[in-house]
């Protein structure tokens, strides 16, 4: 009879440890999914702001680009941040701007895991 209590306690401890491990794995996966979604939203917003600024340049379009650029600084990779900044400091329709935009797209693809 003395073996019954340690056996029950041991089974409870094992399932408690498994439950904790499952919770931590699930939480990590949820955080990774949420971070990916934030990153994806920031990148799509930045591309939309680039489009808006090129179609109808205005102070509002520049402010919108700045907002999405800041979100990319929070969630994006260093390469995306660098190319987004290069988009700001280059002149429209210049080879440097085209190179910056191409680099931005490639950095976004790499960061999101696209082929």
PDB file of N, CA and C in Angstrom:
ATOM      1  N   UNK A   1       0.814  -1.189   0.000  1.00  0.00           N
ATOM      2  CA  UNK A   1       0.000   0.000   0.000  1.00  0.00           C
ATOM      3  C   UNK A   1       0.862   1.259   0.000  1.00  0.00           C
ATOM      4  N   UNK A   2       2.064   1.164   0.532  1.00  0.00           N
ATOM      5  CA  UNK A   2       2.939   2.329   0.573  1.00  0.00           C
ATOM      6  C   UNK A   2       3.393   2.748  -0.817  1.00  0.00           C
ATOM      7  N   UNK A   3       3.380   1.889  -1.778  1.00  0.00           N
ATOM      8  CA  UNK A   3       3.804   2.194  -3.139  1.00  0.00           C
ATOM      9  C   UNK A   3       2.734   2.928  -3.932  1.00  0.00           C
ATOM     10  N   UNK A   4       1.479   2.887  -3.458  1.00  0.00           N
ATOM     11  CA  UNK A   4       0.367   3.499  -4.202  1.00  0.00           C
ATOM     12  C   UNK A   4       0.480   5.015  -4.262  1.00  0.00           C
ATOM     13  N   UNK A   5       0.776   5.654  -3.178  1.00  0.00           N
ATOM     14  CA  UNK A   5       0.872   7.120  -3.144  1.00  0.00           C
ATOM     15  C   UNK A   5       2.002   7.643  -4.030  1.00  0.00           C
ATOM     16  N   UNK A   6       3.230   7.111  -3.981  1.00  0.00           N
ATOM     17  CA  UNK A   6       4.275   7.577  -4.907  1.00  0.00           C
ATOM     18  C   UNK A   6       3.926   7.314  -6.373  1.00  0.00           C
ATOM     19  N   UNK A   7       3.243   6.197  -6.640  1.00  0.00           N
ATOM     20  CA  UNK A   7       2.862   5.884  -8.013  1.00  0.00           C
ATOM     21  C   UNK A   7       1.869   6.920  -8.546  1.00  0.00           C
ATOM     22  N   UNK A   8       0.856   7.225  -7.762  1.00  0.00           N
ATOM     23  CA  UNK A   8      -0.141   8.218  -8.170  1.00  0.00           C
ATOM     24  C   UNK A   8       0.511   9.594  -8.294  1.00  0.00           C
ATOM     25  N   UNK A   9       1.369   9.938  -7.351  1.00  0.00           N
ATOM     26  CA  UNK A   9       2.078  11.213  -7.412  1.00  0.00           C
ATOM     27  C   UNK A   9       2.982  11.297  -8.621  1.00  0.00           C
ATOM     28  N   UNK A  10       3.658  10.219  -8.960  1.00  0.00           N
ATOM     29  CA  UNK A  10       4.542  10.183 -10.120  1.00  0.00           C
ATOM     30  C   UNK A  10       3.774  10.353 -11.419  1.00  0.00           C
ATOM     31  N   UNK A  11       2.632   9.724 -11.510  1.00  0.00           N
ATOM     32  CA  UNK A  11       1.798   9.875 -12.702  1.00  0.00           C
ATOM     33  C   UNK A  11       1.294  11.308 -12.824  1.00  0.00           C
ATOM     34  N   UNK A  12       0.938  11.894 -11.730  1.00  0.00           N
ATOM     35  CA  UNK A  12       0.464  13.281 -11.744  1.00  0.00           C
ATOM     36  C   UNK A  12       1.564  14.247 -12.134  1.00  0.00           C
ATOM     37  N   UNK A  13       2.763  14.013 -11.659  1.00  0.00           N
ATOM     38  CA  UNK A  13       3.888  14.877 -11.983  1.00  0.00           C
ATOM     39  C   UNK A  13       4.244  14.777 -13.467  1.00  0.00           C
ATOM     40  N   UNK A  14       4.202  13.564 -14.016  1.00  0.00           N
ATOM     41  CA  UNK A  14       4.490  13.370 -15.441  1.00  0.00           C
ATOM     42  C   UNK A  14       3.487  14.091 -16.323  1.00  0.00           C
ATOM     43  N   UNK A  15       2.215  13.977 -15.998  1.00  0.00           N
ATOM     44  CA  UNK A  15       1.215  14.652 -16.822  1.00  0.00           C
ATOM     45  C   UNK A  15       1.279  16.159 -16.616  1.00  0.00           C
ATOM     46  N   UNK A  16       1.669  16.611 -15.434  1.00  0.00           N
ATOM     47  CA  UNK A  16       1.835  18.047 -15.202  1.00  0.00           C
ATOM     48  C   UNK A  16       2.984  18.590 -16.051  1.00  0.00           C
ATOM     49  N   UNK A  17       4.112  17.857 -16.088  1.00  0.00           N
ATOM     50  CA  UNK A  17       5.243  18.285 -16.902  1.00  0.00           C
ATOM     51  C   UNK A  17       4.897  18.271 -18.387  1.00  0.00           C
ATOM     52  N   UNK A  18       4.163  17.265 -18.828  1.00  0.00           N
ATOM     53  CA  UNK A  18       3.741  17.212 -20.230  1.00  0.00           C
ATOM     54  C   UNK A  18       2.806  18.366 -20.549  1.00  0.00           C
ATOM     55  N   UNK A  19       1.925  18.671 -19.647  1.00  0.00           N
ATOM     56  CA  UNK A  19       0.985  19.781 -19.849  1.00  0.00           C
ATOM     57  C   UNK A  19       1.733  21.112 -19.950  1.00  0.00           C
ATOM     58  N   UNK A  20       2.727  21.313 -19.121  1.00  0.00           N
ATOM     59  CA  UNK A  20       3.529  22.539 -19.160  1.00  0.00           C
ATOM     60  C   UNK A  20       4.300  22.623 -20.475  1.00  0.00           C
ATOM     61  N   UNK A  21       4.907  21.513 -20.891  1.00  0.00           N
ATOM     62  CA  UNK A  21       5.657  21.495 -22.151  1.00  0.00           C
ATOM     63  C   UNK A  21       4.728  21.782 -23.334  1.00  0.00           C
ATOM     64  N   UNK A  22       3.554  21.167 -23.349  1.00  0.00           N
ATOM     65  CA  UNK A  22       2.588  21.420 -24.424  1.00  0.00           C
ATOM     66  C   UNK A  22       2.166  22.880 -24.461  1.00  0.00           C
ATOM     67  N   UNK A  23       1.950  23.454 -23.300  1.00  0.00           N
ATOM     68  CA  UNK A  23       1.559  24.869 -23.221  1.00  0.00           C
ATOM     69  C   UNK A  23       2.664  25.775 -23.770  1.00  0.00           C
ATOM     70  N   UNK A  24       3.907  25.505 -23.384  1.00  0.00           N
ATOM     71  CA  UNK A  24       5.017  26.332 -23.854  1.00  0.00           C
ATOM     72  C   UNK A  24       5.213  26.209 -25.361  1.00  0.00           C
ATOM     73  N   UNK A  25       5.094  25.019 -25.890  1.00  0.00           N
ATOM     74  CA  UNK A  25       5.230  24.817 -27.336  1.00  0.00           C
ATOM     75  C   UNK A  25       4.099  25.518 -28.074  1.00  0.00           C
ATOM     76  N   UNK A  26       2.896  25.399 -27.564  1.00  0.00           N
ATOM     77  CA  UNK A  26       1.741  26.056 -28.192  1.00  0.00           C
ATOM     78  C   UNK A  26       1.885  27.572 -28.145  1.00  0.00           C
ATOM     79  N   UNK A  27       2.347  28.082 -27.023  1.00  0.00           N
ATOM     80  CA  UNK A  27       2.522  29.533 -26.880  1.00  0.00           C
ATOM     81  C   UNK A  27       3.589  30.049 -27.848  1.00  0.00           C
ATOM     82  N   UNK A  28       4.672  29.315 -27.984  1.00  0.00           N
ATOM     83  CA  UNK A  28       5.742  29.713 -28.901  1.00  0.00           C
ATOM     84  C   UNK A  28       5.229  29.733 -30.344  1.00  0.00           C
ATOM     85  N   UNK A  29       4.486  28.727 -30.706  1.00  0.00           N
ATOM     86  CA  UNK A  29       3.925  28.664 -32.059  1.00  0.00           C
ATOM     87  C   UNK A  29       2.958  29.824 -32.302  1.00  0.00           C
ATOM     88  N   UNK A  30       2.135  30.134 -31.328  1.00  0.00           N
ATOM     89  CA  UNK A  30       1.197  31.250 -31.451  1.00  0.00           C
ATOM     90  C   UNK A  30       1.936  32.569 -31.599  1.00  0.00           C
ATOM     91  N   UNK A  31       2.995  32.761 -30.840  1.00  0.00           N
ATOM     92  CA  UNK A  31       3.778  33.993 -30.930  1.00  0.00           C
ATOM     93  C   UNK A  31       4.460  34.102 -32.294  1.00  0.00           C
ATOM     94  N   UNK A  32       4.979  32.999 -32.806  1.00  0.00           N
ATOM     95  CA  UNK A  32       5.613  33.019 -34.125  1.00  0.00           C
ATOM     96  C   UNK A  32       4.586  33.354 -35.205  1.00  0.00           C
ATOM     97  N   UNK A  33       3.398  32.777 -35.102  1.00  0.00           N
ATOM     98  CA  UNK A  33       2.342  33.067 -36.076  1.00  0.00           C
ATOM     99  C   UNK A  33       1.929  34.530 -36.009  1.00  0.00           C
ATOM    100  N   UNK A  34       1.790  35.048 -34.801  1.00  0.00           N
ATOM    101  CA  UNK A  34       1.390  36.447 -34.638  1.00  0.00           C
ATOM    102  C   UNK A  34       2.467  37.381 -35.184  1.00  0.00           C
ATOM    103  N   UNK A  35       3.728  37.092 -34.925  1.00  0.00           N
ATOM    104  CA  UNK A  35       4.824  37.920 -35.418  1.00  0.00           C
ATOM    105  C   UNK A  35       4.882  37.887 -36.943  1.00  0.00           C
ATOM    106  N   UNK A  36       4.663  36.704 -37.522  1.00  0.00           N
ATOM    107  CA  UNK A  36       4.639  36.587 -38.984  1.00  0.00           C
ATOM    108  C   UNK A  36       3.505  37.436 -39.565  1.00  0.00           C
ATOM    109  N   UNK A  37       2.328  37.379 -38.954  1.00  0.00           N
ATOM    110  CA  UNK A  37       1.193  38.159 -39.449  1.00  0.00           C
ATOM    111  C   UNK A  37       1.458  39.663 -39.330  1.00  0.00           C
ATOM    112  N   UNK A  38       2.062  40.093 -38.237  1.00  0.00           N
ATOM    113  CA  UNK A  38       2.405  41.509 -38.070  1.00  0.00           C
ATOM    114  C   UNK A  38       3.405  41.952 -39.138  1.00  0.00           C
ATOM    115  N   UNK A  39       4.395  41.111 -39.360  1.00  0.00           N
ATOM    116  CA  UNK A  39       5.420  41.415 -40.355  1.00  0.00           C
ATOM    117  C   UNK A  39       4.793  41.494 -41.745  1.00  0.00           C
ATOM    118  N   UNK A  40       3.951  40.528 -42.060  1.00  0.00           N
ATOM    119  CA  UNK A  40       3.287  40.496 -43.368  1.00  0.00           C
ATOM    120  C   UNK A  40       2.415  41.735 -43.560  1.00  0.00           C
ATOM    121  N   UNK A  41       1.663  42.090 -42.548  1.00  0.00           N
ATOM    122  CA  UNK A  41       0.803  43.276 -42.626  1.00  0.00           C
ATOM    123  C   UNK A  41       1.633  44.547 -42.807  1.00  0.00           C
ATOM    124  N   UNK A  42       2.740  44.642 -42.099  1.00  0.00           N
ATOM    125  CA  UNK A  42       3.607  45.820 -42.223  1.00  0.00           C
ATOM    126  C   UNK A  42       4.188  45.914 -43.632  1.00  0.00           C
ATOM    127  N   UNK A  43       4.601  44.791 -44.187  1.00  0.00           N
ATOM    128  CA  UNK A  43       5.175  44.803 -45.533  1.00  0.00           C
ATOM    129  C   UNK A  43       4.131  45.152 -46.590  1.00  0.00           C
ATOM    130  N   UNK A  44       2.948  44.577 -46.470  1.00  0.00           N
ATOM    131  CA  UNK A  44       1.896  44.908 -47.430  1.00  0.00           C
ATOM    132  C   UNK A  44       1.468  46.365 -47.310  1.00  0.00           C
ATOM    133  N   UNK A  45       1.414  46.876 -46.086  1.00  0.00           N
ATOM    134  CA  UNK A  45       1.088  48.284 -45.881  1.00  0.00           C
ATOM    135  C   UNK A  45       2.148  49.199 -46.472  1.00  0.00           C
ATOM    136  N   UNK A  46       3.412  48.827 -46.315  1.00  0.00           N
ATOM    137  CA  UNK A  46       4.495  49.627 -46.884  1.00  0.00           C
ATOM    138  C   UNK A  46       4.409  49.638 -48.407  1.00  0.00           C
ATOM    139  N   UNK A  47       4.148  48.493 -49.014  1.00  0.00           N
ATOM    140  CA  UNK A  47       4.025  48.439 -50.467  1.00  0.00           C
ATOM    141  C   UNK A  47       2.828  49.248 -50.952  1.00  0.00           C
ATOM    142  N   UNK A  48       1.743  49.208 -50.202  1.00  0.00           N
ATOM    143  CA  UNK A  48       0.577  50.017 -50.551  1.00  0.00           C
ATOM    144  C   UNK A  48       0.906  51.505 -50.454  1.00  0.00           C
ATOM    145  N   UNK A  49       1.650  51.886 -49.430  1.00  0.00           N
ATOM    146  CA  UNK A  49       2.045  53.291 -49.265  1.00  0.00           C
ATOM    147  C   UNK A  49       2.996  53.727 -50.377  1.00  0.00           C
ATOM    148  N   UNK A  50       3.893  52.842 -50.817  1.00  0.00           N
ATOM    149  CA  UNK A  50       4.786  53.151 -51.946  1.00  0.00           C
ATOM    150  C   UNK A  50       3.951  53.395 -53.195  1.00  0.00           C
ATOM    151  N   UNK A  51       2.979  52.542 -53.408  1.00  0.00           N
ATOM    152  CA  UNK A  51       2.108  52.691 -54.573  1.00  0.00           C
ATOM    153  C   UNK A  51       1.350  54.016 -54.518  1.00  0.00           C
ATOM    154  N   UNK A  52       0.757  54.306 -53.375  1.00  0.00           N
ATOM    155  CA  UNK A  52      -0.006  55.546 -53.219  1.00  0.00           C
ATOM    156  C   UNK A  52       0.881  56.771 -53.425  1.00  0.00           C
ATOM    157  N   UNK A  53       2.093  56.726 -52.891  1.00  0.00           N
ATOM    158  CA  UNK A  53       3.002  57.862 -53.032  1.00  0.00           C
ATOM    159  C   UNK A  53       3.460  58.044 -54.475  1.00  0.00           C
ATOM    160  N   UNK A  54       3.542  56.961 -55.238  1.00  0.00           N
ATOM    161  CA  UNK A  54       3.970  57.101 -56.632  1.00  0.00           C
ATOM    162  C   UNK A  54       2.814  57.505 -57.537  1.00  0.00           C
ATOM    163  N   UNK A  55       1.607  57.079 -57.221  1.00  0.00           N
ATOM    164  CA  UNK A  55       0.446  57.420 -58.036  1.00  0.00           C
ATOM    165  C   UNK A  55      -0.023  58.844 -57.763  1.00  0.00           C
ATOM    166  N   UNK A  56      -0.115  59.195 -56.496  1.00  0.00           N
ATOM    167  CA  UNK A  56      -0.597  60.527 -56.108  1.00  0.00           C
ATOM    168  C   UNK A  56       0.292  61.083 -54.999  1.00  0.00           C
ATOM    169  N   UNK A  57       1.456  61.625 -55.356  1.00  0.00           N
ATOM    170  CA  UNK A  57       2.355  62.152 -54.326  1.00  0.00           C
ATOM    171  C   UNK A  57       1.707  63.309 -53.556  1.00  0.00           C
ATOM    172  N   UNK A  58       1.789  63.221 -52.252  1.00  0.00           N
ATOM    173  CA  UNK A  58       1.239  64.281 -51.400  1.00  0.00           C
ATOM    174  C   UNK A  58       1.868  64.167 -50.022  1.00  0.00           C
ATOM    175  N   UNK A  59       1.587  65.147 -49.207  1.00  0.00           N
ATOM    176  CA  UNK A  59       2.084  65.121 -47.831  1.00  0.00           C
ATOM    177  C   UNK A  59       1.457  63.956 -47.061  1.00  0.00           C
ATOM    178  N   UNK A  60       0.180  63.711 -47.336  1.00  0.00           N
ATOM    179  CA  UNK A  60      -0.527  62.604 -46.687  1.00  0.00           C
ATOM    180  C   UNK A  60       0.084  61.255 -47.082  1.00  0.00           C
ATOM    181  N   UNK A  61       0.418  61.110 -48.369  1.00  0.00           N
ATOM    182  CA  UNK A  61       1.028  59.866 -48.836  1.00  0.00           C
ATOM    183  C   UNK A  61       2.403  59.668 -48.190  1.00  0.00           C
ATOM    184  N   UNK A  62       3.145  60.747 -48.027  1.00  0.00           N
ATOM    185  CA  UNK A  62       4.458  60.651 -47.364  1.00  0.00           C
ATOM    186  C   UNK A  62       4.302  60.259 -45.897  1.00  0.00           C
ATOM    187  N   UNK A  63       3.299  60.830 -45.243  1.00  0.00           N
ATOM    188  CA  UNK A  63       3.053  60.494 -43.841  1.00  0.00           C
ATOM    189  C   UNK A  63       2.644  59.030 -43.704  1.00  0.00           C
ATOM    190  N   UNK A  64       1.831  58.551 -44.620  1.00  0.00           N
ATOM    191  CA  UNK A  64       1.403  57.149 -44.595  1.00  0.00           C
ATOM    192  C   UNK A  64       2.614  56.228 -44.794  1.00  0.00           C
ATOM    193  N   UNK A  65       3.503  56.600 -45.710  1.00  0.00           N
ATOM    194  CA  UNK A  65       4.713  55.809 -45.919  1.00  0.00           C
ATOM    195  C   UNK A  65       5.542  55.775 -44.628  1.00  0.00           C
ATOM    196  N   UNK A  66       5.665  56.925 -43.973  1.00  0.00           N
ATOM    197  CA  UNK A  66       6.429  56.993 -42.728  1.00  0.00           C
ATOM    198  C   UNK A  66       5.850  56.089 -41.646  1.00  0.00           C
ATOM    199  N   UNK A  67       4.525  56.021 -41.577  1.00  0.00           N
ATOM    200  CA  UNK A  67       3.881  55.145 -40.595  1.00  0.00           C
ATOM    201  C   UNK A  67       4.232  53.681 -40.865  1.00  0.00           C
ATOM    202  N   UNK A  68       4.092  53.253 -42.108  1.00  0.00           N
ATOM    203  CA  UNK A  68       4.379  51.858 -42.443  1.00  0.00           C
ATOM    204  C   UNK A  68       5.872  51.560 -42.344  1.00  0.00           C
ATOM    205  N   UNK A  69       6.697  52.545 -42.637  1.00  0.00           N
ATOM    206  CA  UNK A  69       8.140  52.357 -42.487  1.00  0.00           C
ATOM    207  C   UNK A  69       8.477  52.111 -41.018  1.00  0.00           C
ATOM    208  N   UNK A  70       7.823  52.832 -40.126  1.00  0.00           N
ATOM    209  CA  UNK A  70       8.048  52.641 -38.694  1.00  0.00           C
ATOM    210  C   UNK A  70       7.593  51.257 -38.252  1.00  0.00           C
ATOM    211  N   UNK A  71       6.463  50.798 -38.757  1.00  0.00           N
ATOM    212  CA  UNK A  71       6.003  49.444 -38.421  1.00  0.00           C
ATOM    213  C   UNK A  71       7.002  48.402 -38.922  1.00  0.00           C
ATOM    214  N   UNK A  72       7.595  48.653 -40.079  1.00  0.00           N
ATOM    215  CA  UNK A  72       8.609  47.736 -40.592  1.00  0.00           C
ATOM    216  C   UNK A  72       9.849  47.749 -39.698  1.00  0.00           C
ATOM    217  N   UNK A  73      10.167  48.898 -39.117  1.00  0.00           N
ATOM    218  CA  UNK A  73      11.297  48.956 -38.196  1.00  0.00           C
ATOM    219  C   UNK A  73      11.014  48.115 -36.955  1.00  0.00           C
ATOM    220  N   UNK A  74       9.748  48.034 -36.554  1.00  0.00           N
ATOM    221  CA  UNK A  74       9.391  47.221 -35.389  1.00  0.00           C
ATOM    222  C   UNK A  74       9.413  45.726 -35.692  1.00  0.00           C
ATOM    223  N   UNK A  75       8.896  45.338 -36.848  1.00  0.00           N
ATOM    224  CA  UNK A  75       8.688  43.923 -37.129  1.00  0.00           C
ATOM    225  C   UNK A  75       9.564  43.362 -38.239  1.00  0.00           C
ATOM    226  N   UNK A  76      10.180  44.211 -39.042  1.00  0.00           N
ATOM    227  CA  UNK A  76      10.896  43.738 -40.218  1.00  0.00           C
ATOM    228  C   UNK A  76      12.345  43.401 -39.965  1.00  0.00           C
ATOM    229  N   UNK A  77      12.929  42.824 -40.983  1.00  0.00           N
ATOM    230  CA  UNK A  77      14.343  42.476 -40.917  1.00  0.00           C
ATOM    231  C   UNK A  77      15.193  43.729 -41.157  1.00  0.00           C
ATOM    232  N   UNK A  78      16.446  43.700 -40.754  1.00  0.00           N
ATOM    233  CA  UNK A  78      17.329  44.850 -40.995  1.00  0.00           C
ATOM    234  C   UNK A  78      17.455  45.209 -42.475  1.00  0.00           C
ATOM    235  N   UNK A  79      17.422  44.206 -43.356  1.00  0.00           N
ATOM    236  CA  UNK A  79      17.507  44.485 -44.787  1.00  0.00           C
ATOM    237  C   UNK A  79      16.286  45.259 -45.276  1.00  0.00           C
ATOM    238  N   UNK A  80      15.112  44.870 -44.819  1.00  0.00           N
ATOM    239  CA  UNK A  80      13.889  45.582 -45.222  1.00  0.00           C
ATOM    240  C   UNK A  80      13.948  47.022 -44.730  1.00  0.00           C
ATOM    241  N   UNK A  81      14.378  47.215 -43.507  1.00  0.00           N
ATOM    242  CA  UNK A  81      14.481  48.565 -42.952  1.00  0.00           C
ATOM    243  C   UNK A  81      15.465  49.404 -43.766  1.00  0.00           C
ATOM    244  N   UNK A  82      16.584  48.821 -44.129  1.00  0.00           N
ATOM    245  CA  UNK A  82      17.603  49.539 -44.903  1.00  0.00           C
ATOM    246  C   UNK A  82      17.075  49.942 -46.283  1.00  0.00           C
ATOM    247  N   UNK A  83      16.429  49.017 -46.965  1.00  0.00           N
ATOM    248  CA  UNK A  83      15.915  49.336 -48.298  1.00  0.00           C
ATOM    249  C   UNK A  83      14.738  50.311 -48.234  1.00  0.00           C
ATOM    250  N   UNK A  84      13.925  50.236 -47.186  1.00  0.00           N
ATOM    251  CA  UNK A  84      12.829  51.199 -47.031  1.00  0.00           C
ATOM    252  C   UNK A  84      13.395  52.604 -46.837  1.00  0.00           C
ATOM    253  N   UNK A  85      14.493  52.712 -46.107  1.00  0.00           N
ATOM    254  CA  UNK A  85      15.150  54.001 -45.924  1.00  0.00           C
ATOM    255  C   UNK A  85      15.763  54.492 -47.242  1.00  0.00           C
ATOM    256  N   UNK A  86      16.337  53.584 -48.014  1.00  0.00           N
ATOM    257  CA  UNK A  86      16.895  53.968 -49.311  1.00  0.00           C
ATOM    258  C   UNK A  86      15.805  54.478 -50.252  1.00  0.00           C
ATOM    259  N   UNK A  87      14.600  53.966 -50.104  1.00  0.00           N
ATOM    260  CA  UNK A  87      13.483  54.459 -50.923  1.00  0.00           C
ATOM    261  C   UNK A  87      13.222  55.939 -50.620  1.00  0.00           C
ATOM    262  N   UNK A  88      13.429  56.330 -49.384  1.00  0.00           N
ATOM    263  CA  UNK A  88      13.171  57.716 -48.973  1.00  0.00           C
ATOM    264  C   UNK A  88      14.247  58.653 -49.503  1.00  0.00           C
ATOM    265  N   UNK A  89      15.492  58.222 -49.464  1.00  0.00           N
ATOM    266  CA  UNK A  89      16.598  59.137 -49.781  1.00  0.00           C
ATOM    267  C   UNK A  89      16.975  59.164 -51.259  1.00  0.00           C
ATOM    268  N   UNK A  90      16.342  58.340 -52.085  1.00  0.00           N
ATOM    269  CA  UNK A  90      16.636  58.356 -53.515  1.00  0.00           C
ATOM    270  C   UNK A  90      15.555  59.136 -54.266  1.00  0.00           C
ATOM    271  N   UNK A  91      15.917  59.607 -55.436  1.00  0.00           N
ATOM    272  CA  UNK A  91      14.975  60.360 -56.264  1.00  0.00           C
ATOM    273  C   UNK A  91      14.068  59.415 -57.044  1.00  0.00           C
ATOM    274  N   UNK A  92      12.827  59.847 -57.226  1.00  0.00           N
ATOM    275  CA  UNK A  92      11.865  59.047 -57.986  1.00  0.00           C
ATOM    276  C   UNK A  92      12.364  58.840 -59.411  1.00  0.00           C
ATOM    277  N   UNK A  93      12.062  57.701 -59.966  1.00  0.00           N
ATOM    278  CA  UNK A  93      12.415  57.340 -61.346  1.00  0.00           C
ATOM    279  C   UNK A  93      13.922  57.248 -61.580  1.00  0.00           C
ATOM    280  N   UNK A  94      14.720  57.165 -60.546  1.00  0.00           N
ATOM    281  CA  UNK A  94      16.167  57.043 -60.717  1.00  0.00           C
ATOM    282  C   UNK A  94      16.561  55.567 -60.650  1.00  0.00           C
ATOM    283  N   UNK A  95      17.709  55.227 -61.212  1.00  0.00           N
ATOM    284  CA  UNK A  95      18.180  53.836 -61.108  1.00  0.00           C
ATOM    285  C   UNK A  95      18.396  53.408 -59.649  1.00  0.00           C
ATOM    286  N   UNK A  96      18.795  54.361 -58.800  1.00  0.00           N
ATOM    287  CA  UNK A  96      19.000  54.041 -57.382  1.00  0.00           C
ATOM    288  C   UNK A  96      17.679  53.667 -56.713  1.00  0.00           C
ATOM    289  N   UNK A  97      16.601  54.392 -57.074  1.00  0.00           N
ATOM    290  CA  UNK A  97      15.286  54.091 -56.505  1.00  0.00           C
ATOM    291  C   UNK A  97      14.813  52.721 -56.983  1.00  0.00           C
ATOM    292  N   UNK A  98      15.015  52.436 -58.258  1.00  0.00           N
ATOM    293  CA  UNK A  98      14.626  51.132 -58.784  1.00  0.00           C
ATOM    294  C   UNK A  98      15.396  50.006 -58.099  1.00  0.00           C
ATOM    295  N   UNK A  99      16.682  50.223 -57.863  1.00  0.00           N
ATOM    296  CA  UNK A  99      17.494  49.220 -57.163  1.00  0.00           C
ATOM    297  C   UNK A  99      17.023  49.059 -55.720  1.00  0.00           C
ATOM    298  N   UNK A 100      16.683  50.176 -55.073  1.00  0.00           N
ATOM    299  CA  UNK A 100      16.191  50.112 -53.698  1.00  0.00           C
ATOM    300  C   UNK A 100      14.865  49.360 -53.638  1.00  0.00           C
ATOM    301  N   UNK A 101      13.973  49.608 -54.596  1.00  0.00           N
ATOM    302  CA  UNK A 101      12.688  48.927 -54.612  1.00  0.00           C
ATOM    303  C   UNK A 101      12.863  47.434 -54.872  1.00  0.00           C
ATOM    304  N   UNK A 102      13.734  47.097 -55.797  1.00  0.00           N
ATOM    305  CA  UNK A 102      14.012  45.686 -56.076  1.00  0.00           C
ATOM    306  C   UNK A 102      14.609  45.003 -54.845  1.00  0.00           C
ATOM    307  N   UNK A 103      15.542  45.674 -54.183  1.00  0.00           N
ATOM    308  CA  UNK A 103      16.128  45.131 -52.960  1.00  0.00           C
ATOM    309  C   UNK A 103      15.100  44.976 -51.861  1.00  0.00           C
ATOM    310  N   UNK A 104      14.171  45.942 -51.772  1.00  0.00           N
ATOM    311  CA  UNK A 104      13.103  45.880 -50.767  1.00  0.00           C
ATOM    312  C   UNK A 104      12.235  44.647 -50.991  1.00  0.00           C
ATOM    313  N   UNK A 105      11.835  44.427 -52.229  1.00  0.00           N
ATOM    314  CA  UNK A 105      10.996  43.258 -52.534  1.00  0.00           C
ATOM    315  C   UNK A 105      11.726  41.952 -52.234  1.00  0.00           C
ATOM    316  N   UNK A 106      12.984  41.875 -52.624  1.00  0.00           N
ATOM    317  CA  UNK A 106      13.759  40.653 -52.366  1.00  0.00           C
ATOM    318  C   UNK A 106      13.946  40.411 -50.872  1.00  0.00           C
ATOM    319  N   UNK A 107      14.201  41.479 -50.123  1.00  0.00           N
ATOM    320  CA  UNK A 107      14.366  41.335 -48.669  1.00  0.00           C
ATOM    321  C   UNK A 107      13.061  40.889 -48.019  1.00  0.00           C
ATOM    322  N   UNK A 108      11.940  41.425 -48.495  1.00  0.00           N
ATOM    323  CA  UNK A 108      10.639  41.000 -47.963  1.00  0.00           C
ATOM    324  C   UNK A 108      10.378  39.530 -48.261  1.00  0.00           C
ATOM    325  N   UNK A 109      10.685  39.117 -49.480  1.00  0.00           N
ATOM    326  CA  UNK A 109      10.495  37.708 -49.855  1.00  0.00           C
ATOM    327  C   UNK A 109      11.314  36.798 -48.949  1.00  0.00           C
ATOM    328  N   UNK A 110      12.586  37.133 -48.772  1.00  0.00           N
ATOM    329  CA  UNK A 110      13.455  36.317 -47.913  1.00  0.00           C
ATOM    330  C   UNK A 110      12.924  36.272 -46.483  1.00  0.00           C
ATOM    331  N   UNK A 111      12.510  37.421 -45.985  1.00  0.00           N
ATOM    332  CA  UNK A 111      12.057  37.500 -44.601  1.00  0.00           C
ATOM    333  C   UNK A 111      10.768  36.710 -44.365  1.00  0.00           C
ATOM    334  N   UNK A 112       9.901  36.679 -45.365  1.00  0.00           N
ATOM    335  CA  UNK A 112       8.649  35.957 -45.227  1.00  0.00           C
ATOM    336  C   UNK A 112       8.769  34.483 -45.628  1.00  0.00           C
ATOM    337  N   UNK A 113       9.952  34.106 -46.114  1.00  0.00           N
ATOM    338  CA  UNK A 113      10.181  32.714 -46.465  1.00  0.00           C
ATOM    339  C   UNK A 113       9.632  32.333 -47.823  1.00  0.00           C
ATOM    340  N   UNK A 114       9.415  33.311 -48.699  1.00  0.00           N
ATOM    341  CA  UNK A 114       8.909  33.009 -50.038  1.00  0.00           C
ATOM    342  C   UNK A 114      10.062  32.559 -50.925  1.00  0.00           C
ATOM    343  N   UNK A 115       9.763  31.718 -51.902  1.00  0.00           N
ATOM    344  CA  UNK A 115      10.836  31.250 -52.796  1.00  0.00           C
ATOM    345  C   UNK A 115      11.321  32.328 -53.739  1.00  0.00           C
TER     346      UNK A 115
END
